[in-house]
């Protein structure tokens, strides 16, 4: 039997306010009880999964001006789960697109 180890929690957190439908809020509450995780961790986990899996979002992000921050954040998500190759393929396909660093902004 393989043991799944818990990963250290990222200490850098930022509080945000979200408005959810009543149904989604209730289901989130039930899901939190079911998996014995707090609601913040659930939302954070599944948003990162969406960002990691949504190749159209990733491709869109590579076309943004000053996209280095976007690319860094997406790469961090990919490396957490070991999906570097998927993300690298998307970045390579857009390597000819505009890539500016933040100093170009102004």
C-alpha atoms as a PDB file:
ATOM      1  CA  UNK A   1       0.000   0.000   0.000  1.00  0.00           C
ATOM      2  CA  UNK A   2       1.399   3.354  -1.034  1.00  0.00           C
ATOM      3  CA  UNK A   3       1.409   6.208   1.495  1.00  0.00           C
ATOM      4  CA  UNK A   4       0.372   9.601   0.171  1.00  0.00           C
ATOM      5  CA  UNK A   5       2.325  12.251   2.010  1.00  0.00           C
ATOM      6  CA  UNK A   6       0.908  15.659   2.783  1.00  0.00           C
ATOM      7  CA  UNK A   7       2.731  18.554   1.206  1.00  0.00           C
ATOM      8  CA  UNK A   8       3.752  21.602   3.216  1.00  0.00           C
ATOM      9  CA  UNK A   9       1.212  24.377   3.038  1.00  0.00           C
ATOM     10  CA  UNK A  10       2.291  27.462   1.121  1.00  0.00           C
ATOM     11  CA  UNK A  11       2.767  30.140   3.752  1.00  0.00           C
ATOM     12  CA  UNK A  12       2.150  33.005   1.360  1.00  0.00           C
ATOM     13  CA  UNK A  13      -1.595  33.538   1.470  1.00  0.00           C
ATOM     14  CA  UNK A  14      -3.777  36.415   0.437  1.00  0.00           C
ATOM     15  CA  UNK A  15      -7.324  36.890   1.682  1.00  0.00           C
ATOM     16  CA  UNK A  16      -9.945  37.439  -1.015  1.00  0.00           C
ATOM     17  CA  UNK A  17     -13.704  37.805  -0.872  1.00  0.00           C
ATOM     18  CA  UNK A  18     -15.849  35.636  -3.137  1.00  0.00           C
ATOM     19  CA  UNK A  19     -19.560  35.629  -3.689  1.00  0.00           C
ATOM     20  CA  UNK A  20     -20.967  32.191  -4.446  1.00  0.00           C
ATOM     21  CA  UNK A  21     -24.446  31.049  -5.252  1.00  0.00           C
ATOM     22  CA  UNK A  22     -26.294  29.658  -2.250  1.00  0.00           C
ATOM     23  CA  UNK A  23     -26.166  26.180  -3.803  1.00  0.00           C
ATOM     24  CA  UNK A  24     -22.408  26.288  -4.417  1.00  0.00           C
ATOM     25  CA  UNK A  25     -21.743  27.654  -0.932  1.00  0.00           C
ATOM     26  CA  UNK A  26     -23.769  24.859   0.669  1.00  0.00           C
ATOM     27  CA  UNK A  27     -22.105  22.184  -1.474  1.00  0.00           C
ATOM     28  CA  UNK A  28     -18.693  23.624  -0.589  1.00  0.00           C
ATOM     29  CA  UNK A  29     -19.635  23.367   3.069  1.00  0.00           C
ATOM     30  CA  UNK A  30     -20.670  19.718   2.618  1.00  0.00           C
ATOM     31  CA  UNK A  31     -17.531  18.947   0.608  1.00  0.00           C
ATOM     32  CA  UNK A  32     -15.424  20.523   3.342  1.00  0.00           C
ATOM     33  CA  UNK A  33     -17.055  18.270   5.922  1.00  0.00           C
ATOM     34  CA  UNK A  34     -16.659  15.242   3.652  1.00  0.00           C
ATOM     35  CA  UNK A  35     -12.929  15.630   2.998  1.00  0.00           C
ATOM     36  CA  UNK A  36     -12.145  17.178   6.376  1.00  0.00           C
ATOM     37  CA  UNK A  37     -10.474  20.171   4.783  1.00  0.00           C
ATOM     38  CA  UNK A  38     -11.256  23.826   5.229  1.00  0.00           C
ATOM     39  CA  UNK A  39     -13.122  25.613   2.463  1.00  0.00           C
ATOM     40  CA  UNK A  40     -10.171  27.864   1.614  1.00  0.00           C
ATOM     41  CA  UNK A  41      -7.969  24.841   0.894  1.00  0.00           C
ATOM     42  CA  UNK A  42     -10.651  23.271  -1.306  1.00  0.00           C
ATOM     43  CA  UNK A  43     -11.167  26.405  -3.392  1.00  0.00           C
ATOM     44  CA  UNK A  44      -7.411  26.956  -3.685  1.00  0.00           C
ATOM     45  CA  UNK A  45      -6.775  23.358  -4.736  1.00  0.00           C
ATOM     46  CA  UNK A  46      -9.463  23.210  -7.405  1.00  0.00           C
ATOM     47  CA  UNK A  47      -8.695  26.629  -8.850  1.00  0.00           C
ATOM     48  CA  UNK A  48      -5.075  25.561  -9.266  1.00  0.00           C
ATOM     49  CA  UNK A  49      -6.292  22.369 -10.951  1.00  0.00           C
ATOM     50  CA  UNK A  50      -8.378  24.433 -13.369  1.00  0.00           C
ATOM     51  CA  UNK A  51      -5.444  26.750 -14.109  1.00  0.00           C
ATOM     52  CA  UNK A  52      -3.163  23.735 -14.650  1.00  0.00           C
ATOM     53  CA  UNK A  53      -5.567  21.873 -16.925  1.00  0.00           C
ATOM     54  CA  UNK A  54      -7.059  24.733 -18.966  1.00  0.00           C
ATOM     55  CA  UNK A  55      -4.711  24.886 -21.926  1.00  0.00           C
ATOM     56  CA  UNK A  56      -6.699  27.671 -23.593  1.00  0.00           C
ATOM     57  CA  UNK A  57      -6.261  29.814 -20.469  1.00  0.00           C
ATOM     58  CA  UNK A  58      -2.538  29.063 -20.454  1.00  0.00           C
ATOM     59  CA  UNK A  59      -2.214  29.913 -24.144  1.00  0.00           C
ATOM     60  CA  UNK A  60      -4.169  33.136 -23.564  1.00  0.00           C
ATOM     61  CA  UNK A  61      -1.819  34.064 -20.718  1.00  0.00           C
ATOM     62  CA  UNK A  62       1.237  33.685 -22.904  1.00  0.00           C
ATOM     63  CA  UNK A  63      -0.136  36.361 -25.232  1.00  0.00           C
ATOM     64  CA  UNK A  64      -0.531  38.951 -22.467  1.00  0.00           C
ATOM     65  CA  UNK A  65       1.852  41.877 -22.434  1.00  0.00           C
ATOM     66  CA  UNK A  66       4.305  41.480 -19.563  1.00  0.00           C
ATOM     67  CA  UNK A  67       3.415  37.801 -19.293  1.00  0.00           C
ATOM     68  CA  UNK A  68       6.491  36.731 -17.334  1.00  0.00           C
ATOM     69  CA  UNK A  69       4.614  36.835 -14.029  1.00  0.00           C
ATOM     70  CA  UNK A  70       1.808  34.732 -15.526  1.00  0.00           C
ATOM     71  CA  UNK A  71       4.270  32.217 -16.931  1.00  0.00           C
ATOM     72  CA  UNK A  72       6.097  31.977 -13.602  1.00  0.00           C
ATOM     73  CA  UNK A  73       2.875  31.349 -11.659  1.00  0.00           C
ATOM     74  CA  UNK A  74       1.615  28.717 -14.108  1.00  0.00           C
ATOM     75  CA  UNK A  75       5.021  27.008 -14.065  1.00  0.00           C
ATOM     76  CA  UNK A  76       4.923  26.895 -10.262  1.00  0.00           C
ATOM     77  CA  UNK A  77       1.525  25.180 -10.350  1.00  0.00           C
ATOM     78  CA  UNK A  78       2.790  22.705 -12.927  1.00  0.00           C
ATOM     79  CA  UNK A  79       5.921  21.859 -10.956  1.00  0.00           C
ATOM     80  CA  UNK A  80       3.928  21.163  -7.796  1.00  0.00           C
ATOM     81  CA  UNK A  81       2.053  18.372  -9.519  1.00  0.00           C
ATOM     82  CA  UNK A  82       4.803  17.312 -11.937  1.00  0.00           C
ATOM     83  CA  UNK A  83       3.120  18.582 -15.092  1.00  0.00           C
ATOM     84  CA  UNK A  84       6.019  20.695 -16.356  1.00  0.00           C
ATOM     85  CA  UNK A  85       6.016  19.126 -19.811  1.00  0.00           C
ATOM     86  CA  UNK A  86       2.377  20.083 -20.536  1.00  0.00           C
ATOM     87  CA  UNK A  87       3.005  23.701 -19.577  1.00  0.00           C
ATOM     88  CA  UNK A  88       6.342  23.859 -21.402  1.00  0.00           C
ATOM     89  CA  UNK A  89       4.655  22.664 -24.599  1.00  0.00           C
ATOM     90  CA  UNK A  90       2.179  25.525 -24.402  1.00  0.00           C
ATOM     91  CA  UNK A  91       4.938  28.068 -23.742  1.00  0.00           C
ATOM     92  CA  UNK A  92       7.053  26.709 -26.586  1.00  0.00           C
ATOM     93  CA  UNK A  93       4.101  26.986 -28.972  1.00  0.00           C
ATOM     94  CA  UNK A  94       3.858  30.670 -28.076  1.00  0.00           C
ATOM     95  CA  UNK A  95       7.562  31.475 -27.902  1.00  0.00           C
ATOM     96  CA  UNK A  96       7.239  33.745 -30.914  1.00  0.00           C
ATOM     97  CA  UNK A  97       4.470  35.745 -29.242  1.00  0.00           C
ATOM     98  CA  UNK A  98       5.134  38.985 -27.455  1.00  0.00           C
ATOM     99  CA  UNK A  99       7.139  38.353 -24.332  1.00  0.00           C
ATOM    100  CA  UNK A 100       7.956  41.521 -22.478  1.00  0.00           C
ATOM    101  CA  UNK A 101       9.383  41.992 -19.084  1.00  0.00           C
ATOM    102  CA  UNK A 102       7.790  44.377 -16.624  1.00  0.00           C
ATOM    103  CA  UNK A 103      10.410  47.059 -17.283  1.00  0.00           C
ATOM    104  CA  UNK A 104       8.940  47.462 -20.804  1.00  0.00           C
ATOM    105  CA  UNK A 105       5.675  48.672 -19.325  1.00  0.00           C
ATOM    106  CA  UNK A 106       6.502  52.155 -19.291  1.00  0.00           C
END
